Each structure stands twice: as C-alpha cells, then as structure tokens.
Amino acid sequence: MTRSIVLMQADIFYGVERSQIEHIASLCKEKGYAQGETIFEENSSGDELYVIAQGEVEIILDPALVSDQTSISSPPQTIAHLHRGQSFGEVALVDQGLRSATARSASHSTKLLIIPRQELLELFEEKPKLGYLMMRNLAADLAMKLRGTDFQIRDRLLQEEN
C-alpha cells in the first residue's frame, strides 16, 4: 500500500485533495516497529505526527510520573488502542510541548508514516486552505480522543465509588 493511499484513508486527511495528499506523502518517512517497542516516551519532546500504515499502537499513561513518591504507585495504564489509518502525536503539531503519553507498538510488525512538524507547517503556510482543513480535522480527532478518555475516567471514578 502506498503512502498516499494510507493518508487518504486516515480521518485527519478527510477532504484533502489527492495532489496535496501526494505532497504530504512525499514528506513522510516510514519506520517499522516490533511488538512492545516504544515509539516515544511520555514527557519526551516531539515534533512529528504519526499515521499508522500497518499494525496497532497502544497509548499509555504512567500515573507515577504525576504522583508524589509517597503515594502508592499505580502501573502504567493503556488508554487507547489505535489501528491502521489512525494518527497520534498530533499535540506536537499544535504546541510543541512534551509528549502527553507513551506510544508503543502493539502488534508484531507495526509500520508508521512519520510526518515532520516543520515541513507540514511550511506546507500549511504555502496553502492556508489546506492548513485550515487539516487543523480542523486534527481538532475533531483530538476532541474524539478526549471524549473517549473522559469516559474512561468517569468509569474508573464510578468503580472506585462502588
């Protein structure tokens, strides 16, 4: 499967013209990961957006990174399983802050398309309509992921009450 086809099937590229997708595909690097291999760590710096071309990725939070050392530590928690066509690492496009979670390959042969932040933003400067469309799609994707996380938090809080 070509990079362009993978990008065309990804939600964050919904409504993007084929010629623009091909341009974005030319910016991508491909990288493969074995099952259990870390893609990036929580609290690390990041400047890349990832699209899953093959396999699965787990998004993991480590409560110990935000708790004090005197509290009982909880093991890292998987908050999302992502599949082909889904993206992650979007926050790096928005604010260049530290990674909010760890990403790890969850299948035997995960292949990712990696899009560098700076090159993508330069393309958005050249083509503002594309930049608007992509940022709108990214915002919708982040909102969906945030809602899913909110439901998980509510579910855990209700379980603790019982």
Foldseek 3Di string as FASTA:
>chain_A
DAQLVLQCLAQLCPPPDSVVSVVQSVQWDKDKDAAFAWPDAFQAFDFKKKAWQAAKKWWKDFVVVVDDPVDDGDGIDTLDIDGRNYMDPCVCLVPRGTHHTIMGTHHGIIMMIIHGNVVVVVVCVVPVVSVVSSVVSVVVSVVVSVVSSVVVVVVVVVVVVD
